């Protein structure tokens, strides 16, 4: 029951506060040329690396709470 409540709260927060607090990265990415294959590959690798870092951090945080 506790895990379901936590999951529900996290989902509700992401729905309500996620889009409102979204960062505007247009100034950072405005100068990049996304037409090349290398840029696309680097972007995918960056997204995957970010996902795994966040996942590892979340597991570490949840293990500290538990």
Protein backbone atom coordinates (compact mmCIF):
# COMPACT_ATOMS: atom_id res chain seq x y z
CA UNK A 1 0.00 0.00 0.00
CA UNK A 2 2.85 2.38 0.87
CA UNK A 3 4.57 1.85 -2.50
CA UNK A 4 1.33 2.47 -4.34
CA UNK A 5 0.78 5.70 -2.42
CA UNK A 6 4.32 6.87 -3.19
CA UNK A 7 3.88 6.00 -6.86
CA UNK A 8 0.57 7.86 -6.97
CA UNK A 9 2.09 10.94 -5.33
CA UNK A 10 5.05 10.91 -7.73
CA UNK A 11 2.71 10.56 -10.70
CA UNK A 12 0.49 13.39 -9.47
CA UNK A 13 3.52 15.64 -8.94
CA UNK A 14 4.86 14.93 -12.41
CA UNK A 15 1.48 15.71 -13.97
CA UNK A 16 0.85 18.91 -12.00
CA UNK A 17 4.31 20.43 -11.47
CA UNK A 18 6.27 18.89 -14.32
CA UNK A 19 5.13 21.01 -17.25
CA UNK A 20 4.91 24.16 -15.11
CA UNK A 21 8.54 23.88 -13.99
CA UNK A 22 9.99 22.82 -17.34
CA UNK A 23 13.25 24.54 -18.26
CA UNK A 24 13.70 26.45 -21.50
CA UNK A 25 16.83 25.07 -23.19
CA UNK A 26 16.42 26.96 -26.46
CA UNK A 27 19.27 29.34 -25.65
CA UNK A 28 21.63 26.43 -24.96
CA UNK A 29 20.67 24.31 -27.96
CA UNK A 30 20.08 27.17 -30.39
CA UNK A 31 23.63 27.17 -31.71
CA UNK A 32 23.85 23.41 -32.32
CA UNK A 33 23.34 21.84 -35.71
CA UNK A 34 21.19 18.71 -35.31
CA UNK A 35 21.36 17.68 -38.95
CA UNK A 36 24.31 15.26 -38.67
CA UNK A 37 24.24 11.62 -37.69
CA UNK A 38 26.98 12.07 -35.10
CA UNK A 39 24.95 14.71 -33.31
CA UNK A 40 21.95 12.37 -33.23
CA UNK A 41 24.04 9.53 -31.84
CA UNK A 42 25.57 11.77 -29.19
CA UNK A 43 22.10 13.03 -28.26
CA UNK A 44 20.78 9.49 -27.82
CA UNK A 45 23.83 8.49 -25.77
CA UNK A 46 23.39 11.60 -23.63
CA UNK A 47 19.73 10.83 -22.99
CA UNK A 48 20.54 7.23 -22.06
CA UNK A 49 23.40 8.30 -19.79
CA UNK A 50 21.13 10.82 -18.09
CA UNK A 51 18.45 8.19 -17.63
CA UNK A 52 20.88 5.77 -16.00
CA UNK A 53 22.33 8.46 -13.71
CA UNK A 54 18.85 9.46 -12.56
CA UNK A 55 17.89 5.81 -12.10
CA UNK A 56 21.01 5.08 -10.04
CA UNK A 57 20.43 8.18 -7.93
CA UNK A 58 16.80 7.29 -7.35
CA UNK A 59 17.74 3.77 -6.27
CA UNK A 60 20.36 5.18 -3.91
CA UNK A 61 17.89 7.66 -2.45
CA UNK A 62 15.18 5.04 -2.05
CA UNK A 63 17.61 2.64 -0.39
CA UNK A 64 18.50 5.40 2.10
CA UNK A 65 14.83 5.98 2.86
CA UNK A 66 14.11 2.29 3.23
